[in-house]
N, C-alpha and C. Protein backbone atom coordinates (compact mmCIF):
# COMPACT_ATOMS: atom_id res chain seq x y z
N MET A 1 70.43 -20.54 -66.95
CA MET A 1 71.68 -19.76 -66.80
C MET A 1 71.78 -18.71 -67.91
N LEU A 2 72.16 -17.49 -67.53
CA LEU A 2 72.23 -16.38 -68.46
C LEU A 2 73.41 -16.54 -69.41
N ASN A 3 73.15 -16.47 -70.73
CA ASN A 3 74.21 -16.50 -71.72
C ASN A 3 74.80 -15.10 -71.84
N LYS A 4 76.03 -14.94 -71.45
CA LYS A 4 76.66 -13.63 -71.48
C LYS A 4 77.34 -13.36 -72.82
N ILE A 5 77.30 -12.08 -73.22
CA ILE A 5 78.03 -11.65 -74.41
C ILE A 5 79.47 -11.40 -74.00
N ARG A 6 80.40 -12.11 -74.63
CA ARG A 6 81.81 -12.05 -74.26
C ARG A 6 82.52 -11.00 -75.10
N LEU A 7 83.22 -10.07 -74.42
CA LEU A 7 83.80 -8.91 -75.09
C LEU A 7 85.32 -8.87 -74.95
N LEU A 8 85.97 -8.43 -76.02
CA LEU A 8 87.41 -8.13 -76.00
C LEU A 8 87.56 -6.63 -76.19
N LEU A 9 88.23 -5.95 -75.25
CA LEU A 9 88.43 -4.51 -75.30
C LEU A 9 89.82 -4.19 -75.84
N VAL A 10 89.87 -3.30 -76.83
CA VAL A 10 91.15 -2.94 -77.44
C VAL A 10 91.31 -1.42 -77.43
N ASP A 11 92.21 -0.94 -76.58
CA ASP A 11 92.50 0.49 -76.48
C ASP A 11 93.88 0.61 -75.82
N ASP A 12 94.67 1.56 -76.28
CA ASP A 12 96.04 1.64 -75.75
C ASP A 12 96.13 2.37 -74.41
N HIS A 13 95.02 2.83 -73.88
CA HIS A 13 95.01 3.51 -72.58
C HIS A 13 94.32 2.63 -71.53
N ALA A 14 95.09 2.22 -70.52
CA ALA A 14 94.56 1.33 -69.48
C ALA A 14 93.41 1.98 -68.71
N VAL A 15 93.50 3.29 -68.48
CA VAL A 15 92.43 3.99 -67.75
C VAL A 15 91.12 3.95 -68.54
N VAL A 16 91.24 4.12 -69.87
CA VAL A 16 90.06 4.07 -70.72
C VAL A 16 89.45 2.67 -70.70
N ARG A 17 90.30 1.65 -70.82
CA ARG A 17 89.78 0.28 -70.77
C ARG A 17 89.09 0.00 -69.45
N GLY A 18 89.63 0.55 -68.35
CA GLY A 18 89.01 0.37 -67.05
C GLY A 18 87.63 0.98 -67.00
N GLY A 19 87.48 2.15 -67.63
CA GLY A 19 86.17 2.80 -67.70
C GLY A 19 85.18 1.98 -68.50
N TYR A 20 85.65 1.42 -69.65
CA TYR A 20 84.80 0.55 -70.45
C TYR A 20 84.33 -0.64 -69.62
N ARG A 21 85.29 -1.24 -68.92
CA ARG A 21 84.98 -2.45 -68.15
C ARG A 21 83.88 -2.17 -67.12
N ARG A 22 84.03 -1.07 -66.38
CA ARG A 22 83.03 -0.75 -65.36
C ARG A 22 81.65 -0.52 -65.98
N LEU A 23 81.62 0.18 -67.11
CA LEU A 23 80.35 0.46 -67.77
C LEU A 23 79.72 -0.83 -68.31
N LEU A 24 80.50 -1.60 -69.04
CA LEU A 24 79.96 -2.78 -69.70
C LEU A 24 79.56 -3.87 -68.70
N GLU A 25 80.38 -4.05 -67.68
CA GLU A 25 80.08 -5.11 -66.72
C GLU A 25 79.03 -4.68 -65.69
N SER A 26 78.50 -3.46 -65.86
CA SER A 26 77.34 -3.06 -65.05
C SER A 26 76.09 -3.79 -65.53
N ARG A 27 76.17 -4.35 -66.73
CA ARG A 27 75.09 -5.15 -67.28
C ARG A 27 75.36 -6.63 -67.00
N PRO A 28 74.39 -7.35 -66.44
CA PRO A 28 74.63 -8.75 -66.05
C PRO A 28 74.88 -9.69 -67.21
N ASP A 29 74.50 -9.30 -68.42
CA ASP A 29 74.67 -10.19 -69.57
C ASP A 29 75.89 -9.84 -70.42
N LEU A 30 76.76 -8.96 -69.90
CA LEU A 30 78.00 -8.61 -70.60
C LEU A 30 79.19 -8.97 -69.72
N THR A 31 80.24 -9.54 -70.32
CA THR A 31 81.44 -9.87 -69.56
C THR A 31 82.68 -9.60 -70.41
N ILE A 32 83.73 -9.07 -69.78
CA ILE A 32 84.99 -8.80 -70.46
C ILE A 32 85.88 -10.03 -70.32
N VAL A 33 86.24 -10.64 -71.44
CA VAL A 33 87.10 -11.83 -71.38
C VAL A 33 88.56 -11.50 -71.65
N GLY A 34 88.83 -10.28 -72.16
CA GLY A 34 90.21 -9.92 -72.43
C GLY A 34 90.37 -8.45 -72.76
N GLU A 35 91.59 -7.96 -72.61
CA GLU A 35 91.94 -6.58 -72.94
C GLU A 35 93.24 -6.58 -73.74
N ALA A 36 93.39 -5.61 -74.61
CA ALA A 36 94.62 -5.48 -75.39
C ALA A 36 94.94 -4.01 -75.59
N ALA A 37 96.24 -3.69 -75.55
CA ALA A 37 96.69 -2.31 -75.73
C ALA A 37 97.27 -2.08 -77.12
N THR A 38 97.52 -3.15 -77.87
CA THR A 38 98.08 -3.04 -79.21
C THR A 38 97.28 -3.90 -80.18
N ALA A 39 97.43 -3.60 -81.46
CA ALA A 39 96.73 -4.36 -82.48
C ALA A 39 97.22 -5.81 -82.52
N ARG A 40 98.52 -6.01 -82.40
CA ARG A 40 99.06 -7.37 -82.46
C ARG A 40 98.56 -8.21 -81.29
N ASP A 41 98.51 -7.61 -80.11
CA ASP A 41 97.99 -8.32 -78.94
C ASP A 41 96.51 -8.62 -79.14
N ALA A 42 95.76 -7.69 -79.70
CA ALA A 42 94.34 -7.90 -79.96
C ALA A 42 94.12 -9.05 -80.94
N PHE A 43 94.96 -9.09 -81.97
CA PHE A 43 94.86 -10.14 -82.99
C PHE A 43 95.06 -11.51 -82.36
N GLU A 44 96.06 -11.61 -81.47
CA GLU A 44 96.36 -12.87 -80.82
C GLU A 44 95.28 -13.24 -79.80
N GLN A 45 94.82 -12.26 -79.04
CA GLN A 45 93.78 -12.54 -78.05
C GLN A 45 92.48 -12.96 -78.71
N HIS A 46 92.17 -12.37 -79.84
CA HIS A 46 90.97 -12.79 -80.56
C HIS A 46 91.07 -14.26 -80.95
N ARG A 47 92.25 -14.66 -81.39
CA ARG A 47 92.44 -16.06 -81.78
C ARG A 47 92.28 -17.00 -80.59
N LEU A 48 92.81 -16.60 -79.45
CA LEU A 48 92.78 -17.46 -78.26
C LEU A 48 91.43 -17.46 -77.56
N LEU A 49 90.79 -16.30 -77.49
CA LEU A 49 89.58 -16.15 -76.67
C LEU A 49 88.27 -16.29 -77.44
N GLU A 50 88.30 -16.04 -78.75
CA GLU A 50 87.11 -16.10 -79.59
C GLU A 50 85.93 -15.35 -78.97
N PRO A 51 86.09 -14.04 -78.72
CA PRO A 51 85.01 -13.26 -78.11
C PRO A 51 83.83 -13.09 -79.05
N ASP A 52 82.68 -12.75 -78.48
CA ASP A 52 81.50 -12.49 -79.30
C ASP A 52 81.62 -11.16 -80.03
N VAL A 53 82.18 -10.16 -79.33
CA VAL A 53 82.31 -8.82 -79.90
C VAL A 53 83.68 -8.25 -79.54
N VAL A 54 84.33 -7.63 -80.52
CA VAL A 54 85.58 -6.90 -80.29
C VAL A 54 85.25 -5.42 -80.30
N VAL A 55 85.54 -4.73 -79.19
CA VAL A 55 85.34 -3.29 -79.09
C VAL A 55 86.71 -2.64 -79.21
N LEU A 56 86.93 -1.88 -80.28
CA LEU A 56 88.28 -1.36 -80.49
C LEU A 56 88.32 0.11 -80.86
N ASP A 57 89.42 0.74 -80.50
CA ASP A 57 89.72 2.12 -80.88
C ASP A 57 90.50 2.08 -82.19
N LEU A 58 90.43 3.17 -82.95
CA LEU A 58 91.18 3.22 -84.21
C LEU A 58 92.63 3.65 -84.00
N GLY A 59 92.91 4.39 -82.93
CA GLY A 59 94.24 4.92 -82.70
C GLY A 59 95.09 4.01 -81.84
N LEU A 60 95.71 3.01 -82.45
CA LEU A 60 96.56 2.07 -81.72
C LEU A 60 98.02 2.35 -82.07
N PRO A 61 98.96 2.07 -81.16
CA PRO A 61 100.35 2.49 -81.36
C PRO A 61 101.12 1.73 -82.44
N ASP A 62 100.74 0.48 -82.69
CA ASP A 62 101.52 -0.33 -83.62
C ASP A 62 100.88 -0.51 -84.98
N MET A 63 99.57 -0.29 -85.06
CA MET A 63 98.85 -0.52 -86.31
C MET A 63 97.51 0.19 -86.20
N GLY A 64 97.05 0.81 -87.28
CA GLY A 64 95.77 1.49 -87.24
C GLY A 64 94.62 0.52 -87.06
N GLY A 65 93.54 1.02 -86.46
CA GLY A 65 92.39 0.17 -86.23
C GLY A 65 91.76 -0.36 -87.50
N VAL A 66 91.77 0.42 -88.57
CA VAL A 66 91.18 -0.03 -89.84
C VAL A 66 91.94 -1.24 -90.36
N GLU A 67 93.26 -1.22 -90.27
CA GLU A 67 94.06 -2.36 -90.70
C GLU A 67 93.80 -3.57 -89.81
N LEU A 68 93.65 -3.35 -88.51
CA LEU A 68 93.33 -4.46 -87.60
C LEU A 68 91.98 -5.07 -87.96
N ILE A 69 91.00 -4.24 -88.25
CA ILE A 69 89.68 -4.75 -88.66
C ILE A 69 89.83 -5.62 -89.90
N ARG A 70 90.58 -5.11 -90.88
CA ARG A 70 90.77 -5.85 -92.14
C ARG A 70 91.39 -7.21 -91.88
N ARG A 71 92.38 -7.26 -90.98
CA ARG A 71 93.06 -8.52 -90.69
C ARG A 71 92.17 -9.49 -89.93
N LEU A 72 91.40 -8.96 -88.98
CA LEU A 72 90.48 -9.83 -88.23
C LEU A 72 89.44 -10.44 -89.15
N ILE A 73 88.90 -9.62 -90.05
CA ILE A 73 87.89 -10.11 -91.00
C ILE A 73 88.50 -11.13 -91.95
N GLN A 74 89.74 -10.89 -92.34
CA GLN A 74 90.43 -11.81 -93.25
C GLN A 74 90.59 -13.18 -92.60
N ARG A 75 90.86 -13.21 -91.30
CA ARG A 75 91.03 -14.48 -90.60
C ARG A 75 89.70 -15.11 -90.21
N ASP A 76 88.73 -14.27 -89.83
CA ASP A 76 87.44 -14.78 -89.38
C ASP A 76 86.34 -13.87 -89.92
N ALA A 77 85.71 -14.27 -91.00
CA ALA A 77 84.70 -13.44 -91.66
C ALA A 77 83.50 -13.17 -90.76
N GLY A 78 83.32 -13.98 -89.73
CA GLY A 78 82.17 -13.81 -88.84
C GLY A 78 82.43 -12.95 -87.63
N VAL A 79 83.62 -12.39 -87.50
CA VAL A 79 83.95 -11.59 -86.33
C VAL A 79 83.07 -10.34 -86.28
N ARG A 80 82.59 -10.01 -85.09
CA ARG A 80 81.73 -8.84 -84.89
C ARG A 80 82.54 -7.74 -84.21
N ILE A 81 82.65 -6.60 -84.88
CA ILE A 81 83.54 -5.53 -84.41
C ILE A 81 82.77 -4.23 -84.23
N LEU A 82 82.97 -3.63 -83.06
CA LEU A 82 82.41 -2.31 -82.76
C LEU A 82 83.56 -1.34 -82.56
N VAL A 83 83.59 -0.29 -83.36
CA VAL A 83 84.61 0.75 -83.21
C VAL A 83 84.10 1.79 -82.22
N PHE A 84 84.94 2.11 -81.24
CA PHE A 84 84.62 3.15 -80.25
C PHE A 84 85.80 4.11 -80.25
N THR A 85 85.61 5.30 -80.81
CA THR A 85 86.75 6.16 -81.12
C THR A 85 86.42 7.64 -80.98
N MET A 86 87.47 8.46 -80.92
CA MET A 86 87.28 9.91 -80.86
C MET A 86 87.07 10.50 -82.25
N HIS A 87 87.37 9.74 -83.30
CA HIS A 87 87.28 10.26 -84.67
C HIS A 87 85.83 10.42 -85.12
N ARG A 88 85.43 11.67 -85.33
CA ARG A 88 84.06 11.97 -85.77
C ARG A 88 83.96 12.17 -87.28
N GLU A 89 85.12 12.26 -87.95
CA GLU A 89 85.09 12.52 -89.39
C GLU A 89 84.49 11.33 -90.14
N PRO A 90 83.56 11.57 -91.06
CA PRO A 90 82.89 10.48 -91.79
C PRO A 90 83.84 9.53 -92.49
N ILE A 91 85.00 10.04 -92.95
CA ILE A 91 85.91 9.16 -93.70
C ILE A 91 86.42 8.02 -92.83
N PHE A 92 86.63 8.26 -91.53
CA PHE A 92 87.10 7.19 -90.66
C PHE A 92 86.01 6.14 -90.48
N ALA A 93 84.77 6.60 -90.31
CA ALA A 93 83.65 5.65 -90.18
C ALA A 93 83.46 4.86 -91.47
N THR A 94 83.55 5.55 -92.59
CA THR A 94 83.39 4.88 -93.89
C THR A 94 84.44 3.79 -94.07
N GLN A 95 85.68 4.11 -93.76
CA GLN A 95 86.76 3.14 -93.93
C GLN A 95 86.61 1.96 -92.96
N ALA A 96 86.21 2.24 -91.73
CA ALA A 96 86.04 1.16 -90.75
C ALA A 96 84.92 0.22 -91.17
N LEU A 97 83.82 0.78 -91.65
CA LEU A 97 82.69 -0.04 -92.09
C LEU A 97 83.04 -0.82 -93.35
N ARG A 98 83.77 -0.18 -94.26
CA ARG A 98 84.20 -0.87 -95.48
C ARG A 98 85.14 -2.03 -95.15
N ALA A 99 85.95 -1.84 -94.12
CA ALA A 99 86.88 -2.90 -93.73
C ALA A 99 86.16 -4.08 -93.07
N GLY A 100 84.95 -3.84 -92.55
CA GLY A 100 84.18 -4.94 -91.99
C GLY A 100 83.57 -4.73 -90.62
N ALA A 101 83.78 -3.56 -90.01
CA ALA A 101 83.16 -3.29 -88.70
C ALA A 101 81.64 -3.23 -88.85
N LEU A 102 80.95 -3.66 -87.81
CA LEU A 102 79.48 -3.59 -87.81
C LEU A 102 78.97 -2.32 -87.13
N GLY A 103 79.77 -1.76 -86.22
CA GLY A 103 79.32 -0.58 -85.50
C GLY A 103 80.39 0.47 -85.39
N TYR A 104 79.96 1.72 -85.26
CA TYR A 104 80.88 2.85 -85.12
C TYR A 104 80.25 3.84 -84.16
N VAL A 105 80.90 4.02 -83.00
CA VAL A 105 80.38 4.91 -81.96
C VAL A 105 81.50 5.86 -81.53
N THR A 106 81.19 7.13 -81.40
CA THR A 106 82.19 8.10 -80.96
C THR A 106 82.28 8.12 -79.44
N LYS A 107 83.45 8.49 -78.94
CA LYS A 107 83.67 8.53 -77.50
C LYS A 107 82.93 9.67 -76.82
N SER A 108 82.37 10.58 -77.61
CA SER A 108 81.56 11.66 -77.03
C SER A 108 80.11 11.23 -76.83
N SER A 109 79.79 10.00 -77.23
CA SER A 109 78.42 9.50 -77.10
C SER A 109 78.06 9.20 -75.65
N PRO A 110 76.79 9.30 -75.27
CA PRO A 110 76.36 8.92 -73.92
C PRO A 110 76.59 7.42 -73.69
N PRO A 111 76.77 7.00 -72.44
CA PRO A 111 77.02 5.58 -72.14
C PRO A 111 75.97 4.64 -72.71
N GLU A 112 74.71 5.06 -72.69
CA GLU A 112 73.65 4.16 -73.17
C GLU A 112 73.77 3.89 -74.67
N VAL A 113 74.37 4.85 -75.41
CA VAL A 113 74.58 4.63 -76.84
C VAL A 113 75.60 3.52 -77.06
N MET A 114 76.68 3.54 -76.29
CA MET A 114 77.68 2.48 -76.42
C MET A 114 77.10 1.13 -76.02
N LEU A 115 76.36 1.09 -74.93
CA LEU A 115 75.76 -0.17 -74.47
C LEU A 115 74.82 -0.74 -75.53
N ASP A 116 73.97 0.12 -76.08
CA ASP A 116 73.05 -0.34 -77.12
C ASP A 116 73.81 -0.83 -78.33
N ALA A 117 74.91 -0.16 -78.69
CA ALA A 117 75.70 -0.57 -79.85
C ALA A 117 76.30 -1.96 -79.65
N VAL A 118 76.72 -2.26 -78.43
CA VAL A 118 77.27 -3.60 -78.14
C VAL A 118 76.22 -4.67 -78.41
N TYR A 119 75.00 -4.44 -77.96
CA TYR A 119 73.93 -5.41 -78.18
C TYR A 119 73.59 -5.52 -79.67
N GLN A 120 73.57 -4.40 -80.35
CA GLN A 120 73.26 -4.41 -81.79
C GLN A 120 74.32 -5.20 -82.56
N VAL A 121 75.58 -4.94 -82.28
CA VAL A 121 76.66 -5.64 -82.98
C VAL A 121 76.66 -7.12 -82.62
N ALA A 122 76.39 -7.44 -81.36
CA ALA A 122 76.32 -8.84 -80.95
C ALA A 122 75.24 -9.58 -81.73
N ALA A 123 74.18 -8.86 -82.09
CA ALA A 123 73.09 -9.45 -82.87
C ALA A 123 73.33 -9.35 -84.37
N ARG A 124 74.55 -8.94 -84.74
CA ARG A 124 74.97 -8.80 -86.15
C ARG A 124 74.16 -7.74 -86.90
N ARG A 125 73.82 -6.66 -86.18
CA ARG A 125 73.14 -5.54 -86.82
C ARG A 125 74.07 -4.33 -86.85
N GLN A 126 74.07 -3.62 -87.97
CA GLN A 126 74.94 -2.45 -88.09
C GLN A 126 74.38 -1.30 -87.27
N THR A 127 75.26 -0.55 -86.63
CA THR A 127 74.83 0.58 -85.81
C THR A 127 75.83 1.71 -85.87
N ILE A 128 75.32 2.94 -85.91
CA ILE A 128 76.15 4.14 -85.97
C ILE A 128 75.66 5.09 -84.89
N SER A 129 76.58 5.74 -84.17
CA SER A 129 76.14 6.66 -83.11
C SER A 129 75.40 7.85 -83.74
N PRO A 130 74.33 8.30 -83.09
CA PRO A 130 73.49 9.37 -83.66
C PRO A 130 74.24 10.66 -83.96
N ASP A 131 75.32 10.94 -83.22
CA ASP A 131 76.00 12.23 -83.42
C ASP A 131 76.72 12.34 -84.76
N ILE A 132 77.01 11.21 -85.40
CA ILE A 132 77.67 11.29 -86.72
C ILE A 132 76.83 10.68 -87.84
N ALA A 133 75.70 10.08 -87.50
CA ALA A 133 74.89 9.40 -88.51
C ALA A 133 74.48 10.32 -89.67
N PRO A 134 74.00 11.56 -89.43
CA PRO A 134 73.64 12.42 -90.56
C PRO A 134 74.81 12.76 -91.47
N GLU A 135 75.98 13.07 -90.85
CA GLU A 135 77.16 13.39 -91.65
C GLU A 135 77.62 12.19 -92.46
N LEU A 136 77.55 11.01 -91.85
CA LEU A 136 77.98 9.80 -92.55
C LEU A 136 77.05 9.50 -93.71
N ALA A 137 75.75 9.66 -93.50
CA ALA A 137 74.78 9.42 -94.57
C ALA A 137 75.03 10.36 -95.74
N LEU A 138 75.30 11.64 -95.42
CA LEU A 138 75.59 12.61 -96.47
C LEU A 138 76.88 12.27 -97.20
N ALA A 139 77.89 11.83 -96.45
CA ALA A 139 79.17 11.46 -97.06
C ALA A 139 78.99 10.27 -98.00
N LEU A 140 78.16 9.31 -97.61
CA LEU A 140 77.93 8.13 -98.46
C LEU A 140 77.18 8.51 -99.73
N VAL A 141 76.24 9.46 -99.61
CA VAL A 141 75.50 9.93 -100.79
C VAL A 141 76.45 10.63 -101.76
N ASN A 142 77.39 11.41 -101.19
CA ASN A 142 78.33 12.18 -102.01
C ASN A 142 79.65 11.45 -102.24
N GLN A 143 79.65 10.14 -102.03
CA GLN A 143 80.89 9.36 -102.08
C GLN A 143 81.63 9.51 -103.40
N ALA A 144 80.89 9.62 -104.48
CA ALA A 144 81.53 9.72 -105.79
C ALA A 144 82.38 10.98 -105.91
N ALA A 145 82.03 12.02 -105.13
CA ALA A 145 82.78 13.28 -105.19
C ALA A 145 83.93 13.32 -104.19
N ASP A 146 84.08 12.27 -103.39
CA ASP A 146 85.13 12.23 -102.37
C ASP A 146 86.24 11.30 -102.81
N PRO A 147 87.41 11.83 -103.17
CA PRO A 147 88.49 10.97 -103.64
C PRO A 147 88.99 9.99 -102.59
N LEU A 148 88.86 10.33 -101.28
CA LEU A 148 89.29 9.41 -100.23
C LEU A 148 88.47 8.13 -100.25
N ALA A 149 87.24 8.21 -100.76
CA ALA A 149 86.39 7.03 -100.82
C ALA A 149 86.92 6.00 -101.81
N GLU A 150 87.82 6.45 -102.69
CA GLU A 150 88.42 5.54 -103.67
C GLU A 150 89.50 4.66 -103.05
N LEU A 151 90.00 5.06 -101.88
CA LEU A 151 91.09 4.30 -101.26
C LEU A 151 90.57 3.04 -100.59
N SER A 152 91.33 1.96 -100.73
CA SER A 152 91.01 0.73 -100.01
C SER A 152 91.40 0.91 -98.55
N PRO A 153 90.90 0.05 -97.64
CA PRO A 153 91.32 0.14 -96.23
C PRO A 153 92.83 0.09 -96.06
N ARG A 154 93.51 -0.75 -96.84
CA ARG A 154 94.97 -0.83 -96.76
C ARG A 154 95.61 0.48 -97.21
N GLU A 155 95.14 1.06 -98.32
CA GLU A 155 95.69 2.33 -98.80
C GLU A 155 95.41 3.46 -97.81
N PHE A 156 94.24 3.44 -97.21
CA PHE A 156 93.90 4.46 -96.21
C PHE A 156 94.85 4.39 -95.02
N GLU A 157 95.16 3.17 -94.57
CA GLU A 157 96.06 3.01 -93.44
C GLU A 157 97.48 3.47 -93.81
N ILE A 158 97.94 3.15 -95.01
CA ILE A 158 99.27 3.59 -95.45
C ILE A 158 99.31 5.12 -95.54
N LEU A 159 98.25 5.72 -96.06
CA LEU A 159 98.19 7.18 -96.13
C LEU A 159 98.25 7.79 -94.73
N ARG A 160 97.52 7.22 -93.80
CA ARG A 160 97.52 7.73 -92.42
C ARG A 160 98.93 7.69 -91.82
N LEU A 161 99.64 6.59 -92.07
CA LEU A 161 100.99 6.45 -91.53
C LEU A 161 101.98 7.37 -92.24
N LEU A 162 101.81 7.55 -93.54
CA LEU A 162 102.66 8.50 -94.27
C LEU A 162 102.49 9.91 -93.73
N LEU A 163 101.26 10.28 -93.45
CA LEU A 163 100.98 11.61 -92.92
C LEU A 163 101.52 11.77 -91.51
N ASP A 164 101.69 10.65 -90.81
CA ASP A 164 102.29 10.68 -89.47
C ASP A 164 103.82 10.76 -89.53
N GLY A 165 104.37 10.72 -90.76
CA GLY A 165 105.81 10.84 -90.92
C GLY A 165 106.56 9.53 -90.93
N CYS A 166 105.86 8.41 -91.05
CA CYS A 166 106.53 7.10 -91.08
C CYS A 166 107.18 6.86 -92.43
N SER A 167 108.33 6.21 -92.43
CA SER A 167 109.03 5.85 -93.66
C SER A 167 108.40 4.59 -94.25
N PRO A 168 108.66 4.30 -95.53
CA PRO A 168 108.16 3.06 -96.13
C PRO A 168 108.60 1.82 -95.35
N GLU A 169 109.84 1.87 -94.83
CA GLU A 169 110.34 0.73 -94.07
C GLU A 169 109.56 0.55 -92.76
N GLU A 170 109.28 1.67 -92.07
CA GLU A 170 108.51 1.61 -90.83
C GLU A 170 107.09 1.11 -91.09
N ILE A 171 106.49 1.62 -92.15
CA ILE A 171 105.12 1.20 -92.49
C ILE A 171 105.10 -0.27 -92.85
N GLY A 172 106.08 -0.69 -93.64
CA GLY A 172 106.15 -2.10 -94.01
C GLY A 172 106.27 -3.01 -92.81
N SER A 173 107.09 -2.59 -91.83
CA SER A 173 107.26 -3.38 -90.61
C SER A 173 105.96 -3.47 -89.82
N ARG A 174 105.24 -2.36 -89.72
CA ARG A 174 103.98 -2.36 -88.98
C ARG A 174 102.90 -3.21 -89.64
N LEU A 175 102.86 -3.16 -90.97
CA LEU A 175 101.79 -3.84 -91.71
C LEU A 175 102.21 -5.21 -92.25
N SER A 176 103.44 -5.60 -91.95
CA SER A 176 103.96 -6.90 -92.41
C SER A 176 103.95 -7.01 -93.92
N ILE A 177 104.37 -5.94 -94.58
CA ILE A 177 104.52 -5.93 -96.03
C ILE A 177 105.88 -5.33 -96.35
N THR A 178 106.32 -5.43 -97.62
CA THR A 178 107.62 -4.90 -97.98
C THR A 178 107.57 -3.39 -98.20
N ALA A 179 108.73 -2.75 -98.06
CA ALA A 179 108.82 -1.31 -98.33
C ALA A 179 108.45 -1.01 -99.78
N LYS A 180 108.77 -1.96 -100.68
CA LYS A 180 108.43 -1.78 -102.09
C LYS A 180 106.91 -1.74 -102.29
N THR A 181 106.20 -2.60 -101.57
CA THR A 181 104.74 -2.60 -101.64
C THR A 181 104.18 -1.27 -101.14
N VAL A 182 104.79 -0.76 -100.06
CA VAL A 182 104.37 0.54 -99.52
C VAL A 182 104.58 1.64 -100.56
N GLN A 183 105.73 1.61 -101.21
CA GLN A 183 106.03 2.62 -102.23
C GLN A 183 105.06 2.54 -103.40
N ASN A 184 104.70 1.32 -103.80
CA ASN A 184 103.73 1.15 -104.89
C ASN A 184 102.36 1.70 -104.47
N CYS A 185 101.96 1.42 -103.23
CA CYS A 185 100.69 1.93 -102.71
C CYS A 185 100.72 3.46 -102.62
N HIS A 186 101.86 3.99 -102.22
CA HIS A 186 102.04 5.44 -102.14
C HIS A 186 101.76 6.08 -103.50
N TYR A 187 102.29 5.47 -104.54
CA TYR A 187 102.07 5.97 -105.90
C TYR A 187 100.59 5.89 -106.27
N GLN A 188 99.95 4.76 -105.94
CA GLN A 188 98.53 4.58 -106.26
C GLN A 188 97.67 5.59 -105.49
N ILE A 189 98.02 5.84 -104.25
CA ILE A 189 97.27 6.81 -103.43
C ILE A 189 97.31 8.19 -104.07
N LYS A 190 98.52 8.61 -104.48
CA LYS A 190 98.64 9.93 -105.12
C LYS A 190 97.85 9.98 -106.42
N ALA A 191 97.87 8.89 -107.16
CA ALA A 191 97.13 8.86 -108.42
C ALA A 191 95.62 8.97 -108.16
N LYS A 192 95.12 8.25 -107.14
CA LYS A 192 93.68 8.29 -106.83
C LYS A 192 93.24 9.65 -106.31
N LEU A 193 94.15 10.34 -105.60
CA LEU A 193 93.82 11.65 -105.07
C LEU A 193 94.14 12.79 -106.04
N GLY A 194 94.71 12.42 -107.18
CA GLY A 194 94.99 13.41 -108.21
C GLY A 194 96.10 14.38 -107.87
N VAL A 195 97.13 13.88 -107.15
CA VAL A 195 98.27 14.73 -106.79
C VAL A 195 99.56 14.08 -107.30
N ARG A 196 100.60 14.89 -107.40
CA ARG A 196 101.87 14.37 -107.92
C ARG A 196 102.98 14.31 -106.88
N SER A 197 102.94 15.18 -105.89
CA SER A 197 104.02 15.24 -104.91
C SER A 197 103.48 15.00 -103.51
N ASP A 198 104.39 14.77 -102.56
CA ASP A 198 103.98 14.58 -101.18
C ASP A 198 103.45 15.87 -100.56
N ILE A 199 103.95 17.00 -101.03
CA ILE A 199 103.43 18.29 -100.55
C ILE A 199 101.97 18.43 -100.96
N GLU A 200 101.69 18.10 -102.22
CA GLU A 200 100.30 18.16 -102.70
C GLU A 200 99.44 17.14 -101.97
N LEU A 201 100.04 15.99 -101.63
CA LEU A 201 99.30 14.96 -100.90
C LEU A 201 98.90 15.47 -99.52
N THR A 202 99.81 16.14 -98.84
CA THR A 202 99.52 16.71 -97.52
C THR A 202 98.44 17.79 -97.63
N ARG A 203 98.54 18.63 -98.63
CA ARG A 203 97.53 19.68 -98.83
C ARG A 203 96.16 19.06 -99.09
N ALA A 204 96.13 17.99 -99.89
CA ALA A 204 94.87 17.31 -100.19
C ALA A 204 94.28 16.71 -98.92
N ALA A 205 95.14 16.11 -98.09
CA ALA A 205 94.67 15.51 -96.84
C ALA A 205 94.09 16.57 -95.91
N LEU A 206 94.72 17.73 -95.85
CA LEU A 206 94.20 18.84 -95.04
C LEU A 206 92.85 19.30 -95.56
N LYS A 207 92.76 19.45 -96.85
CA LYS A 207 91.52 19.93 -97.47
C LYS A 207 90.37 18.94 -97.26
N LEU A 208 90.71 17.65 -97.25
CA LEU A 208 89.68 16.62 -97.11
C LEU A 208 89.37 16.29 -95.66
N GLY A 209 90.05 16.98 -94.73
CA GLY A 209 89.75 16.79 -93.31
C GLY A 209 90.39 15.57 -92.68
N LEU A 210 91.40 15.01 -93.34
CA LEU A 210 92.06 13.83 -92.80
C LEU A 210 93.07 14.19 -91.71
N ILE A 211 93.63 15.40 -91.80
CA ILE A 211 94.56 15.88 -90.76
C ILE A 211 94.19 17.32 -90.40
């Protein structure tokens, strides 16, 4: 009997998940055991279903994908995560991999790249889609010159939400932390990026390609 690789799909667009399902289940050794549209639902489904591989997008409505990765790894250090996202910027890949993802594939990649990445991650091998691999390698070499590389996955997620216009209270609610903790992280983020005000923080984010 064929041992199938059990997958959990996490994306907030049902049409996109449907496309993933058709592609992945075209292979006889892959099966979708669950789908989730939010990070919280994904966290719970992972606990209940214990899939072999979690395929997730970074842009989720209730919590960023990097934070979800961090939480999944915190609960289960052996979880295998493949990020499938539209974000081509190296900083997103760097943060996802630092948080614990094994694979990072862009949505502009050919179908066979995604399929191969699923098998690689299932085998606990790191994989990066070819379209961003050179940029990511260069970013890692120059990491010391990139202030964003100094941010932890949690700080990166808070910065992303701040840039989206979320208040400390909103961020705290999403990340299950206090508004005071958010404010402290906000201060640390500005210190690491070498800025003093939120206007300077936004300018720095623009310059670094985060927005």
